[in-house]
Amino acid sequence: MITVLFWPCMISSLILSILALSYKKPKLFVYASVLILPLSLYLSVTPAFEVWGLIFPFFFIGAAVIIRKYTIWLSVLLISPNFLLVGWLGFIVLNQH
């Protein structure tokens, strides 16, 4: 159940964020933040992330607010932690022994 919920939602949120940057659509960032919410809630109950897991959807919301002002580089900077998180989790899962 976890793989059905997490990985497709994480990857689709990253794809939506790239589309939001390409087309300058803040609404797509909001959809991306909803899609990454299950991962964020899961991370918030792990001891390693605690409360910091809840911050990841807000990066997408912040990028949605910033892209309305047509500042794309700051939106890219705001969504980069989400890309790093998903990449790190993918690396951890693929390199398990």
PDB file of N, CA and C in Angstrom:
ATOM      1  N   MET A   1       0.822  -1.204   0.000  1.00  0.00           N
ATOM      2  CA  MET A   1       0.000   0.000   0.000  1.00  0.00           C
ATOM      3  C   MET A   1       0.856   1.254   0.000  1.00  0.00           C
ATOM      4  N   ILE A   2       1.973   1.186   0.722  1.00  0.00           N
ATOM      5  CA  ILE A   2       2.815   2.375   0.812  1.00  0.00           C
ATOM      6  C   ILE A   2       3.415   2.722  -0.540  1.00  0.00           C
ATOM      7  N   THR A   3       3.855   1.721  -1.286  1.00  0.00           N
ATOM      8  CA  THR A   3       4.459   2.014  -2.591  1.00  0.00           C
ATOM      9  C   THR A   3       3.435   2.552  -3.568  1.00  0.00           C
ATOM     10  N   VAL A   4       2.204   2.100  -3.465  1.00  0.00           N
ATOM     11  CA  VAL A   4       1.153   2.613  -4.345  1.00  0.00           C
ATOM     12  C   VAL A   4       0.860   4.074  -4.023  1.00  0.00           C
ATOM     13  N   LEU A   5       0.967   4.433  -2.784  1.00  0.00           N
ATOM     14  CA  LEU A   5       0.634   5.788  -2.366  1.00  0.00           C
ATOM     15  C   LEU A   5       1.792   6.762  -2.545  1.00  0.00           C
ATOM     16  N   PHE A   6       3.007   6.352  -2.193  1.00  0.00           N
ATOM     17  CA  PHE A   6       4.100   7.316  -2.123  1.00  0.00           C
ATOM     18  C   PHE A   6       4.792   7.585  -3.440  1.00  0.00           C
ATOM     19  N   TRP A   7       5.315   6.572  -4.090  1.00  0.00           N
ATOM     20  CA  TRP A   7       6.163   6.827  -5.256  1.00  0.00           C
ATOM     21  C   TRP A   7       5.431   7.485  -6.414  1.00  0.00           C
ATOM     22  N   PRO A   8       4.240   7.031  -6.815  1.00  0.00           N
ATOM     23  CA  PRO A   8       3.553   7.753  -7.899  1.00  0.00           C
ATOM     24  C   PRO A   8       3.203   9.189  -7.528  1.00  0.00           C
ATOM     25  N   CYS A   9       2.833   9.406  -6.280  1.00  0.00           N
ATOM     26  CA  CYS A   9       2.509  10.775  -5.855  1.00  0.00           C
ATOM     27  C   CYS A   9       3.749  11.661  -5.839  1.00  0.00           C
ATOM     28  N   MET A  10       4.862  11.120  -5.377  1.00  0.00           N
ATOM     29  CA  MET A  10       6.094  11.921  -5.342  1.00  0.00           C
ATOM     30  C   MET A  10       6.559  12.272  -6.741  1.00  0.00           C
ATOM     31  N   ILE A  11       6.576  11.300  -7.628  1.00  0.00           N
ATOM     32  CA  ILE A  11       7.056  11.555  -8.987  1.00  0.00           C
ATOM     33  C   ILE A  11       6.110  12.481  -9.733  1.00  0.00           C
ATOM     34  N   SER A  12       4.816  12.294  -9.563  1.00  0.00           N
ATOM     35  CA  SER A  12       3.870  13.182 -10.243  1.00  0.00           C
ATOM     36  C   SER A  12       3.918  14.603  -9.669  1.00  0.00           C
ATOM     37  N   SER A  13       4.230  14.753  -8.393  1.00  0.00           N
ATOM     38  CA  SER A  13       4.361  16.112  -7.848  1.00  0.00           C
ATOM     39  C   SER A  13       5.582  16.816  -8.438  1.00  0.00           C
ATOM     40  N   LEU A  14       6.655  16.072  -8.667  1.00  0.00           N
ATOM     41  CA  LEU A  14       7.829  16.676  -9.291  1.00  0.00           C
ATOM     42  C   LEU A  14       7.559  17.041 -10.745  1.00  0.00           C
ATOM     43  N   ILE A  15       6.843  16.182 -11.448  1.00  0.00           N
ATOM     44  CA  ILE A  15       6.490  16.483 -12.842  1.00  0.00           C
ATOM     45  C   ILE A  15       5.572  17.691 -12.904  1.00  0.00           C
ATOM     46  N   LEU A  16       4.611  17.757 -12.003  1.00  0.00           N
ATOM     47  CA  LEU A  16       3.715  18.924 -11.971  1.00  0.00           C
ATOM     48  C   LEU A  16       4.471  20.211 -11.657  1.00  0.00           C
ATOM     49  N   SER A  17       5.471  20.124 -10.806  1.00  0.00           N
ATOM     50  CA  SER A  17       6.234  21.328 -10.483  1.00  0.00           C
ATOM     51  C   SER A  17       7.063  21.794 -11.686  1.00  0.00           C
ATOM     52  N   ILE A  18       7.587  20.851 -12.470  1.00  0.00           N
ATOM     53  CA  ILE A  18       8.305  21.237 -13.687  1.00  0.00           C
ATOM     54  C   ILE A  18       7.351  21.877 -14.684  1.00  0.00           C
ATOM     55  N   LEU A  19       6.154  21.312 -14.819  1.00  0.00           N
ATOM     56  CA  LEU A  19       5.157  21.909 -15.704  1.00  0.00           C
ATOM     57  C   LEU A  19       4.718  23.289 -15.213  1.00  0.00           C
ATOM     58  N   ALA A  20       4.610  23.436 -13.902  1.00  0.00           N
ATOM     59  CA  ALA A  20       4.227  24.740 -13.350  1.00  0.00           C
ATOM     60  C   ALA A  20       5.288  25.791 -13.644  1.00  0.00           C
ATOM     61  N   LEU A  21       6.544  25.397 -13.580  1.00  0.00           N
ATOM     62  CA  LEU A  21       7.612  26.330 -13.928  1.00  0.00           C
ATOM     63  C   LEU A  21       7.608  26.658 -15.417  1.00  0.00           C
ATOM     64  N   SER A  22       7.356  25.649 -16.234  1.00  0.00           N
ATOM     65  CA  SER A  22       7.381  25.850 -17.681  1.00  0.00           C
ATOM     66  C   SER A  22       6.266  26.770 -18.152  1.00  0.00           C
ATOM     67  N   TYR A  23       5.078  26.551 -17.621  1.00  0.00           N
ATOM     68  CA  TYR A  23       3.915  27.316 -18.070  1.00  0.00           C
ATOM     69  C   TYR A  23       3.547  28.473 -17.157  1.00  0.00           C
ATOM     70  N   LYS A  24       4.292  28.646 -16.072  1.00  0.00           N
ATOM     71  CA  LYS A  24       4.037  29.709 -15.086  1.00  0.00           C
ATOM     72  C   LYS A  24       2.610  29.646 -14.535  1.00  0.00           C
ATOM     73  N   LYS A  25       2.236  28.451 -14.105  1.00  0.00           N
ATOM     74  CA  LYS A  25       0.902  28.208 -13.550  1.00  0.00           C
ATOM     75  C   LYS A  25       1.014  27.897 -12.062  1.00  0.00           C
ATOM     76  N   PRO A  26       0.641  28.830 -11.189  1.00  0.00           N
ATOM     77  CA  PRO A  26       0.733  28.578  -9.747  1.00  0.00           C
ATOM     78  C   PRO A  26      -0.199  27.466  -9.264  1.00  0.00           C
ATOM     79  N   LYS A  27      -1.289  27.243  -9.974  1.00  0.00           N
ATOM     80  CA  LYS A  27      -2.241  26.215  -9.569  1.00  0.00           C
ATOM     81  C   LYS A  27      -1.606  24.828  -9.600  1.00  0.00           C
ATOM     82  N   LEU A  28      -0.690  24.601 -10.535  1.00  0.00           N
ATOM     83  CA  LEU A  28      -0.028  23.305 -10.600  1.00  0.00           C
ATOM     84  C   LEU A  28       0.890  23.074  -9.403  1.00  0.00           C
ATOM     85  N   PHE A  29       1.460  24.151  -8.852  1.00  0.00           N
ATOM     86  CA  PHE A  29       2.249  24.018  -7.629  1.00  0.00           C
ATOM     87  C   PHE A  29       1.374  23.605  -6.451  1.00  0.00           C
ATOM     88  N   VAL A  30       0.165  24.116  -6.417  1.00  0.00           N
ATOM     89  CA  VAL A  30      -0.764  23.739  -5.341  1.00  0.00           C
ATOM     90  C   VAL A  30      -1.126  22.258  -5.458  1.00  0.00           C
ATOM     91  N   TYR A  31      -1.369  21.796  -6.680  1.00  0.00           N
ATOM     92  CA  TYR A  31      -1.643  20.368  -6.878  1.00  0.00           C
ATOM     93  C   TYR A  31      -0.432  19.522  -6.483  1.00  0.00           C
ATOM     94  N   ALA A  32       0.760  20.003  -6.803  1.00  0.00           N
ATOM     95  CA  ALA A  32       1.980  19.277  -6.436  1.00  0.00           C
ATOM     96  C   ALA A  32       2.135  19.198  -4.922  1.00  0.00           C
ATOM     97  N   SER A  33       1.747  20.263  -4.226  1.00  0.00           N
ATOM     98  CA  SER A  33       1.856  20.232  -2.764  1.00  0.00           C
ATOM     99  C   SER A  33       0.873  19.247  -2.161  1.00  0.00           C
ATOM    100  N   VAL A  34      -0.288  19.078  -2.775  1.00  0.00           N
ATOM    101  CA  VAL A  34      -1.247  18.093  -2.286  1.00  0.00           C
ATOM    102  C   VAL A  34      -0.719  16.676  -2.543  1.00  0.00           C
ATOM    103  N   LEU A  35      -0.051  16.481  -3.667  1.00  0.00           N
ATOM    104  CA  LEU A  35       0.456  15.147  -3.989  1.00  0.00           C
ATOM    105  C   LEU A  35       1.642  14.737  -3.118  1.00  0.00           C
ATOM    106  N   ILE A  36       2.409  15.697  -2.637  1.00  0.00           N
ATOM    107  CA  ILE A  36       3.553  15.339  -1.796  1.00  0.00           C
ATOM    108  C   ILE A  36       3.161  15.301  -0.309  1.00  0.00           C
ATOM    109  N   LEU A  37       1.933  15.619  -0.008  1.00  0.00           N
ATOM    110  CA  LEU A  37       1.464  15.625   1.378  1.00  0.00           C
ATOM    111  C   LEU A  37       1.547  14.261   2.070  1.00  0.00           C
ATOM    112  N   PRO A  38       1.209  13.129   1.423  1.00  0.00           N
ATOM    113  CA  PRO A  38       1.357  11.844   2.140  1.00  0.00           C
ATOM    114  C   PRO A  38       2.794  11.564   2.564  1.00  0.00           C
ATOM    115  N   LEU A  39       3.744  11.873   1.701  1.00  0.00           N
ATOM    116  CA  LEU A  39       5.145  11.689   2.072  1.00  0.00           C
ATOM    117  C   LEU A  39       5.510  12.597   3.229  1.00  0.00           C
ATOM    118  N   SER A  40       5.042  13.814   3.186  1.00  0.00           N
ATOM    119  CA  SER A  40       5.349  14.769   4.243  1.00  0.00           C
ATOM    120  C   SER A  40       4.784  14.321   5.590  1.00  0.00           C
ATOM    121  N   LEU A  41       3.572  13.820   5.578  1.00  0.00           N
ATOM    122  CA  LEU A  41       2.972  13.333   6.821  1.00  0.00           C
ATOM    123  C   LEU A  41       3.694  12.100   7.337  1.00  0.00           C
ATOM    124  N   TYR A  42       4.120  11.239   6.418  1.00  0.00           N
ATOM    125  CA  TYR A  42       4.873  10.059   6.838  1.00  0.00           C
ATOM    126  C   TYR A  42       6.220  10.448   7.445  1.00  0.00           C
ATOM    127  N   LEU A  43       6.901  11.388   6.825  1.00  0.00           N
ATOM    128  CA  LEU A  43       8.198  11.817   7.343  1.00  0.00           C
ATOM    129  C   LEU A  43       8.078  12.540   8.676  1.00  0.00           C
ATOM    130  N   SER A  44       6.951  13.199   8.897  1.00  0.00           N
ATOM    131  CA  SER A  44       6.803  13.955  10.140  1.00  0.00           C
ATOM    132  C   SER A  44       6.669  13.057  11.368  1.00  0.00           C
ATOM    133  N   VAL A  45       6.326  11.801  11.180  1.00  0.00           N
ATOM    134  CA  VAL A  45       6.227  10.897  12.327  1.00  0.00           C
ATOM    135  C   VAL A  45       7.475  10.033  12.496  1.00  0.00           C
ATOM    136  N   THR A  46       8.454  10.178  11.624  1.00  0.00           N
ATOM    137  CA  THR A  46       9.709   9.447  11.801  1.00  0.00           C
ATOM    138  C   THR A  46      10.628  10.245  12.714  1.00  0.00           C
ATOM    139  N   PRO A  47      11.456   9.570  13.486  1.00  0.00           N
ATOM    140  CA  PRO A  47      12.330  10.286  14.421  1.00  0.00           C
ATOM    141  C   PRO A  47      13.383  11.157  13.737  1.00  0.00           C
ATOM    142  N   ALA A  48      13.785  10.807  12.520  1.00  0.00           N
ATOM    143  CA  ALA A  48      14.834  11.574  11.857  1.00  0.00           C
ATOM    144  C   ALA A  48      14.343  12.948  11.403  1.00  0.00           C
ATOM    145  N   PHE A  49      13.094  13.053  10.988  1.00  0.00           N
ATOM    146  CA  PHE A  49      12.585  14.313  10.456  1.00  0.00           C
ATOM    147  C   PHE A  49      11.722  15.087  11.445  1.00  0.00           C
ATOM    148  N   GLU A  50      10.980  14.377  12.266  1.00  0.00           N
ATOM    149  CA  GLU A  50      10.050  14.964  13.240  1.00  0.00           C
ATOM    150  C   GLU A  50       9.167  16.019  12.578  1.00  0.00           C
ATOM    151  N   VAL A  51       9.231  17.235  13.040  1.00  0.00           N
ATOM    152  CA  VAL A  51       8.359  18.296  12.529  1.00  0.00           C
ATOM    153  C   VAL A  51       8.830  18.794  11.167  1.00  0.00           C
ATOM    154  N   TRP A  52      10.103  18.598  10.843  1.00  0.00           N
ATOM    155  CA  TRP A  52      10.648  19.117   9.593  1.00  0.00           C
ATOM    156  C   TRP A  52      10.050  18.443   8.371  1.00  0.00           C
ATOM    157  N   GLY A  53       9.434  17.300   8.537  1.00  0.00           N
ATOM    158  CA  GLY A  53       8.792  16.637   7.416  1.00  0.00           C
ATOM    159  C   GLY A  53       7.595  17.394   6.879  1.00  0.00           C
ATOM    160  N   LEU A  54       6.996  18.212   7.721  1.00  0.00           N
ATOM    161  CA  LEU A  54       5.811  18.964   7.297  1.00  0.00           C
ATOM    162  C   LEU A  54       6.135  20.177   6.431  1.00  0.00           C
ATOM    163  N   ILE A  55       7.374  20.503   6.276  1.00  0.00           N
ATOM    164  CA  ILE A  55       7.742  21.729   5.573  1.00  0.00           C
ATOM    165  C   ILE A  55       7.735  21.573   4.048  1.00  0.00           C
ATOM    166  N   PHE A  56       7.827  20.348   3.543  1.00  0.00           N
ATOM    167  CA  PHE A  56       7.999  20.141   2.112  1.00  0.00           C
ATOM    168  C   PHE A  56       6.826  20.601   1.253  1.00  0.00           C
ATOM    169  N   PRO A  57       5.563  20.429   1.634  1.00  0.00           N
ATOM    170  CA  PRO A  57       4.486  20.993   0.810  1.00  0.00           C
ATOM    171  C   PRO A  57       4.502  22.527   0.775  1.00  0.00           C
ATOM    172  N   PHE A  58       5.010  23.130   1.836  1.00  0.00           N
ATOM    173  CA  PHE A  58       5.041  24.594   1.869  1.00  0.00           C
ATOM    174  C   PHE A  58       6.067  25.182   0.906  1.00  0.00           C
ATOM    175  N   PHE A  59       7.056  24.378   0.516  1.00  0.00           N
ATOM    176  CA  PHE A  59       7.975  24.845  -0.522  1.00  0.00           C
ATOM    177  C   PHE A  59       7.236  25.030  -1.844  1.00  0.00           C
ATOM    178  N   PHE A  60       6.324  24.107  -2.166  1.00  0.00           N
ATOM    179  CA  PHE A  60       5.528  24.249  -3.381  1.00  0.00           C
ATOM    180  C   PHE A  60       4.560  25.427  -3.286  1.00  0.00           C
ATOM    181  N   ILE A  61       3.963  25.618  -2.120  1.00  0.00           N
ATOM    182  CA  ILE A  61       3.049  26.751  -1.936  1.00  0.00           C
ATOM    183  C   ILE A  61       3.817  28.073  -2.063  1.00  0.00           C
ATOM    184  N   GLY A  62       5.006  28.125  -1.482  1.00  0.00           N
ATOM    185  CA  GLY A  62       5.828  29.328  -1.613  1.00  0.00           C
ATOM    186  C   GLY A  62       6.226  29.592  -3.044  1.00  0.00           C
ATOM    187  N   ALA A  63       6.525  28.536  -3.791  1.00  0.00           N
ATOM    188  CA  ALA A  63       6.861  28.711  -5.207  1.00  0.00           C
ATOM    189  C   ALA A  63       5.661  29.199  -5.997  1.00  0.00           C
ATOM    190  N   ALA A  64       4.456  28.771  -5.612  1.00  0.00           N
ATOM    191  CA  ALA A  64       3.248  29.246  -6.289  1.00  0.00           C
ATOM    192  C   ALA A  64       3.041  30.735  -6.050  1.00  0.00           C
ATOM    193  N   VAL A  65       3.317  31.177  -4.842  1.00  0.00           N
ATOM    194  CA  VAL A  65       3.179  32.614  -4.548  1.00  0.00           C
ATOM    195  C   VAL A  65       4.242  33.419  -5.288  1.00  0.00           C
ATOM    196  N   ILE A  66       5.457  32.899  -5.318  1.00  0.00           N
ATOM    197  CA  ILE A  66       6.564  33.618  -5.949  1.00  0.00           C
ATOM    198  C   ILE A  66       6.425  33.663  -7.459  1.00  0.00           C
ATOM    199  N   ILE A  67       5.921  32.599  -8.066  1.00  0.00           N
ATOM    200  CA  ILE A  67       5.838  32.579  -9.526  1.00  0.00           C
ATOM    201  C   ILE A  67       4.775  33.550 -10.036  1.00  0.00           C
ATOM    202  N   ARG A  68       3.853  33.942  -9.186  1.00  0.00           N
ATOM    203  CA  ARG A  68       2.869  34.953  -9.593  1.00  0.00           C
ATOM    204  C   ARG A  68       3.527  36.309  -9.803  1.00  0.00           C
ATOM    205  N   LYS A  69       4.667  36.514  -9.154  1.00  0.00           N
ATOM    206  CA  LYS A  69       5.424  37.751  -9.334  1.00  0.00           C
ATOM    207  C   LYS A  69       6.430  37.631 -10.474  1.00  0.00           C
ATOM    208  N   TYR A  70       6.404  36.489 -11.193  1.00  0.00           N
ATOM    209  CA  TYR A  70       7.274  36.226 -12.343  1.00  0.00           C
ATOM    210  C   TYR A  70       8.749  36.168 -11.980  1.00  0.00           C
ATOM    211  N   THR A  71       9.059  35.632 -10.819  1.00  0.00           N
ATOM    212  CA  THR A  71      10.436  35.409 -10.421  1.00  0.00           C
ATOM    213  C   THR A  71      10.667  33.905 -10.459  1.00  0.00           C
ATOM    214  N   ILE A  72      11.129  33.415 -11.589  1.00  0.00           N
ATOM    215  CA  ILE A  72      11.251  31.973 -11.784  1.00  0.00           C
ATOM    216  C   ILE A  72      12.435  31.408 -11.006  1.00  0.00           C
ATOM    217  N   TRP A  73      13.544  32.111 -10.943  1.00  0.00           N
ATOM    218  CA  TRP A  73      14.736  31.550 -10.286  1.00  0.00           C
ATOM    219  C   TRP A  73      14.488  31.306  -8.801  1.00  0.00           C
ATOM    220  N   LEU A  74      13.696  32.151  -8.161  1.00  0.00           N
ATOM    221  CA  LEU A  74      13.390  31.938  -6.752  1.00  0.00           C
ATOM    222  C   LEU A  74      12.436  30.756  -6.567  1.00  0.00           C
ATOM    223  N   SER A  75      11.536  30.564  -7.519  1.00  0.00           N
ATOM    224  CA  SER A  75      10.660  29.391  -7.467  1.00  0.00           C
ATOM    225  C   SER A  75      11.461  28.108  -7.633  1.00  0.00           C
ATOM    226  N   VAL A  76      12.456  28.129  -8.511  1.00  0.00           N
ATOM    227  CA  VAL A  76      13.322  26.960  -8.688  1.00  0.00           C
ATOM    228  C   VAL A  76      14.081  26.677  -7.395  1.00  0.00           C
ATOM    229  N   LEU A  77      14.534  27.731  -6.760  1.00  0.00           N
ATOM    230  CA  LEU A  77      15.257  27.578  -5.498  1.00  0.00           C
ATOM    231  C   LEU A  77      14.355  26.992  -4.404  1.00  0.00           C
ATOM    232  N   LEU A  78      13.092  27.380  -4.405  1.00  0.00           N
ATOM    233  CA  LEU A  78      12.170  26.882  -3.386  1.00  0.00           C
ATOM    234  C   LEU A  78      11.780  25.420  -3.593  1.00  0.00           C
ATOM    235  N   ILE A  79      11.686  24.968  -4.823  1.00  0.00           N
ATOM    236  CA  ILE A  79      11.264  23.585  -5.039  1.00  0.00           C
ATOM    237  C   ILE A  79      12.441  22.612  -5.058  1.00  0.00           C
ATOM    238  N   SER A  80      13.654  23.111  -5.074  1.00  0.00           N
ATOM    239  CA  SER A  80      14.808  22.212  -5.126  1.00  0.00           C
ATOM    240  C   SER A  80      14.920  21.277  -3.919  1.00  0.00           C
ATOM    241  N   PRO A  81      14.539  21.657  -2.689  1.00  0.00           N
ATOM    242  CA  PRO A  81      14.588  20.668  -1.590  1.00  0.00           C
ATOM    243  C   PRO A  81      13.683  19.463  -1.819  1.00  0.00           C
ATOM    244  N   ASN A  82      12.568  19.658  -2.497  1.00  0.00           N
ATOM    245  CA  ASN A  82      11.687  18.527  -2.791  1.00  0.00           C
ATOM    246  C   ASN A  82      12.344  17.560  -3.769  1.00  0.00           C
ATOM    247  N   PHE A  83      13.037  18.085  -4.774  1.00  0.00           N
ATOM    248  CA  PHE A  83      13.756  17.224  -5.705  1.00  0.00           C
ATOM    249  C   PHE A  83      14.881  16.483  -4.998  1.00  0.00           C
ATOM    250  N   LEU A  84      15.576  17.189  -4.121  1.00  0.00           N
ATOM    251  CA  LEU A  84      16.657  16.545  -3.372  1.00  0.00           C
ATOM    252  C   LEU A  84      16.123  15.459  -2.445  1.00  0.00           C
ATOM    253  N   LEU A  85      14.988  15.707  -1.817  1.00  0.00           N
ATOM    254  CA  LEU A  85      14.391  14.720  -0.919  1.00  0.00           C
ATOM    255  C   LEU A  85      13.986  13.458  -1.670  1.00  0.00           C
ATOM    256  N   VAL A  86      13.302  13.616  -2.783  1.00  0.00           N
ATOM    257  CA  VAL A  86      12.854  12.449  -3.548  1.00  0.00           C
ATOM    258  C   VAL A  86      14.060  11.707  -4.121  1.00  0.00           C
ATOM    259  N   GLY A  87      15.058  12.432  -4.592  1.00  0.00           N
ATOM    260  CA  GLY A  87      16.267  11.786  -5.085  1.00  0.00           C
ATOM    261  C   GLY A  87      16.999  11.029  -3.999  1.00  0.00           C
ATOM    262  N   TRP A  88      17.073  11.614  -2.813  1.00  0.00           N
ATOM    263  CA  TRP A  88      17.733  10.957  -1.687  1.00  0.00           C
ATOM    264  C   TRP A  88      16.975   9.698  -1.270  1.00  0.00           C
ATOM    265  N   LEU A  89      15.646   9.793  -1.196  1.00  0.00           N
ATOM    266  CA  LEU A  89      14.852   8.619  -0.830  1.00  0.00           C
ATOM    267  C   LEU A  89      14.993   7.518  -1.880  1.00  0.00           C
ATOM    268  N   GLY A  90      15.007   7.895  -3.157  1.00  0.00           N
ATOM    269  CA  GLY A  90      15.202   6.906  -4.216  1.00  0.00           C
ATOM    270  C   GLY A  90      16.556   6.237  -4.117  1.00  0.00           C
ATOM    271  N   PHE A  91      17.579   7.013  -3.804  1.00  0.00           N
ATOM    272  CA  PHE A  91      18.921   6.462  -3.637  1.00  0.00           C
ATOM    273  C   PHE A  91      18.970   5.479  -2.470  1.00  0.00           C
ATOM    274  N   ILE A  92      18.339   5.851  -1.369  1.00  0.00           N
ATOM    275  CA  ILE A  92      18.316   4.982  -0.193  1.00  0.00           C
ATOM    276  C   ILE A  92      17.588   3.676  -0.485  1.00  0.00           C
ATOM    277  N   VAL A  93      16.459   3.761  -1.163  1.00  0.00           N
ATOM    278  CA  VAL A  93      15.672   2.555  -1.450  1.00  0.00           C
ATOM    279  C   VAL A  93      16.401   1.647  -2.444  1.00  0.00           C
ATOM    280  N   LEU A  94      17.011   2.225  -3.465  1.00  0.00           N
ATOM    281  CA  LEU A  94      17.686   1.398  -4.465  1.00  0.00           C
ATOM    282  C   LEU A  94      18.992   0.792  -3.986  1.00  0.00           C
ATOM    283  N   ASN A  95      19.615   1.377  -2.965  1.00  0.00           N
ATOM    284  CA  ASN A  95      20.885   0.878  -2.468  1.00  0.00           C
ATOM    285  C   ASN A  95      20.769   0.094  -1.174  1.00  0.00           C
ATOM    286  N   GLN A  96      19.595  -0.410  -0.864  1.00  0.00           N
ATOM    287  CA  GLN A  96      19.433  -1.241   0.322  1.00  0.00           C
ATOM    288  C   GLN A  96      20.020  -2.617   0.051  1.00  0.00           C
ATOM    289  N   HIS A  97      20.582  -3.199   1.069  1.00  0.00           N
ATOM    290  CA  HIS A  97      21.141  -4.562   0.917  1.00  0.00           C
ATOM    291  C   HIS A  97      20.310  -5.560   1.653  1.00  0.00           C
TER     292      HIS A  97
END
